[in-house]
Amino acid sequence: SSTSNGRAKNLCCFCCKTGPITLSIHIPRRGYVPGEKIIISAEADNVSTRNTRRTRLRFLQVIKYIMPNGVKEMVEERIVKEIVRGYLEPGETDMWDKVAITVPPLVPANVHLTCRLLHVEYRLD
């Protein structure tokens, strides 16, 4: 099933709030396989009284290594793809329609030999 998520961020200028920037993201479903394209639709809305510096979408790979003793784990994040657009003026909306991002086809090659468990997930930010 499809999934949507939203976030709002308030801009501040010293002691004065200038209003929120809202972002809504929609993807057709939750699960994808390596090599598959994720088609993303998003809307950024500047409800504040200030210009934004940019709008940005990041596709992150989060790798969790769990060591053989099960006590120690290491988490690594890397940017798979980043799409940056220009600034938004107050009251302006930016529509991202059918932006395609490909899930990497292979697990990272830098997996440690002592790692018994590897958990890879992806996140839109």
Protein backbone atom coordinates (compact mmCIF):
# COMPACT_ATOMS: atom_id res chain seq x y z
CA SER A 1 0.00 0.00 0.00
CA SER A 2 1.09 3.57 -0.55
CA THR A 3 2.54 5.66 2.23
CA SER A 4 2.70 9.37 2.95
CA ASN A 5 4.51 11.40 5.55
CA GLY A 6 4.75 15.06 6.43
CA ARG A 7 6.93 17.37 8.44
CA ALA A 8 6.85 21.03 9.40
CA LYS A 9 9.80 23.16 10.44
CA ASN A 10 9.52 26.61 11.99
CA LEU A 11 12.04 29.20 10.93
CA CYS A 12 13.27 31.50 13.66
CA CYS A 13 14.93 34.86 13.44
CA PHE A 14 16.34 35.70 16.88
CA CYS A 15 13.24 35.78 19.11
CA CYS A 16 10.60 35.97 16.35
CA LYS A 17 9.02 32.94 14.71
CA THR A 18 8.46 33.51 11.02
CA GLY A 19 6.13 30.59 10.31
CA PRO A 20 6.58 27.01 9.13
CA ILE A 21 7.91 25.29 6.06
CA THR A 22 5.86 22.14 5.44
CA LEU A 23 6.87 19.10 3.43
CA SER A 24 4.67 16.20 2.36
CA ILE A 25 6.11 13.09 0.68
CA HIS A 26 4.21 10.27 -1.00
CA ILE A 27 5.54 6.96 -2.36
CA PRO A 28 3.38 4.27 -4.00
CA ARG A 29 4.32 1.54 -1.49
CA ARG A 30 6.66 0.73 1.42
CA GLY A 31 8.77 -2.22 0.22
CA TYR A 32 11.29 -2.16 -2.62
CA VAL A 33 13.94 -4.60 -3.83
CA PRO A 34 17.55 -3.81 -4.83
CA GLY A 35 17.73 -2.23 -8.29
CA GLU A 36 14.10 -1.09 -8.23
CA LYS A 37 13.04 2.54 -8.76
CA ILE A 38 11.11 4.43 -6.10
CA ILE A 39 8.80 7.04 -7.62
CA ILE A 40 8.45 9.97 -5.23
CA SER A 41 5.96 12.82 -5.23
CA ALA A 42 6.46 15.65 -2.76
CA GLU A 43 5.26 19.15 -1.98
CA ALA A 44 7.24 21.82 -0.13
CA ASP A 45 5.18 24.79 1.04
CA ASN A 46 6.77 27.95 2.44
CA VAL A 47 4.14 29.36 4.82
CA SER A 48 6.77 31.51 6.54
CA THR A 49 7.59 35.16 5.98
CA ARG A 50 11.19 34.41 4.87
CA ASN A 51 12.87 32.88 1.84
CA THR A 52 14.21 29.37 2.27
CA ARG A 53 17.80 28.68 1.22
CA ARG A 54 16.86 25.53 -0.70
CA THR A 55 14.65 22.47 -0.76
CA ARG A 56 16.40 19.13 -0.61
CA LEU A 57 15.53 15.45 -0.77
CA ARG A 58 18.04 12.86 0.48
CA PHE A 59 17.90 9.11 0.00
CA LEU A 60 20.01 7.57 2.77
CA GLN A 61 21.38 4.06 3.20
CA VAL A 62 21.57 3.02 6.87
CA ILE A 63 23.79 -0.01 7.56
CA LYS A 64 23.87 -1.66 10.97
CA TYR A 65 26.70 -4.12 11.66
CA ILE A 66 26.24 -6.41 14.66
CA MET A 67 29.46 -8.09 15.83
CA PRO A 68 29.71 -11.82 16.69
CA ASN A 69 29.46 -11.33 20.45
CA GLY A 70 26.18 -9.47 19.91
CA VAL A 71 27.28 -6.73 22.29
CA LYS A 72 28.83 -4.24 19.90
CA GLU A 73 27.15 -2.73 16.89
CA MET A 74 28.12 -0.04 14.45
CA VAL A 75 25.73 2.13 12.43
CA GLU A 76 26.84 3.81 9.24
CA GLU A 77 24.79 6.26 7.16
CA ARG A 78 25.60 7.35 3.65
CA ILE A 79 23.83 9.52 1.11
CA VAL A 80 22.84 7.43 -1.92
CA LYS A 81 21.28 10.35 -3.77
CA GLU A 82 20.63 13.99 -3.00
CA ILE A 83 18.41 16.27 -5.06
CA VAL A 84 18.65 19.99 -4.32
CA ARG A 85 16.37 22.67 -5.69
CA GLY A 86 16.44 26.42 -5.34
CA TYR A 87 14.98 28.68 -2.69
CA LEU A 88 11.28 29.24 -2.02
CA GLU A 89 9.84 32.69 -1.48
CA PRO A 90 7.18 33.25 1.22
CA GLY A 91 3.87 31.70 0.13
CA GLU A 92 5.51 29.70 -2.67
CA THR A 93 5.05 25.96 -3.21
CA ASP A 94 7.42 23.54 -4.95
CA MET A 95 5.92 20.33 -6.40
CA TRP A 96 8.16 17.31 -6.93
CA ASP A 97 6.26 15.09 -9.38
CA LYS A 98 7.41 11.52 -10.08
CA VAL A 99 11.05 11.91 -9.02
CA ALA A 100 12.77 8.53 -9.52
CA ILE A 101 15.44 7.19 -7.15
CA THR A 102 16.95 3.72 -7.64
CA VAL A 103 17.58 1.41 -4.69
CA PRO A 104 21.24 0.32 -5.00
CA PRO A 105 21.48 -3.15 -6.59
CA LEU A 106 24.25 -4.44 -4.30
CA VAL A 107 25.04 -4.49 -0.60
CA PRO A 108 28.10 -2.33 0.21
CA ALA A 109 31.44 -4.06 -0.42
CA ASN A 110 33.02 -2.78 2.80
CA VAL A 111 31.29 -5.35 5.04
CA HIS A 112 33.70 -6.46 7.75
CA LEU A 113 34.61 -10.18 7.81
CA THR A 114 33.86 -10.37 11.54
CA CYS A 115 30.31 -9.16 11.02
CA ARG A 116 27.76 -11.94 11.44
CA LEU A 117 24.69 -9.81 10.99
CA LEU A 118 24.19 -6.99 8.57
CA HIS A 119 20.99 -4.97 8.43
CA VAL A 120 20.54 -2.50 5.55
CA GLU A 121 17.64 -0.08 5.29
CA TYR A 122 16.90 3.09 3.35
CA ARG A 123 15.34 6.35 4.44
CA LEU A 124 14.06 9.51 2.75
CA ASP A 125 15.10 12.66 4.54
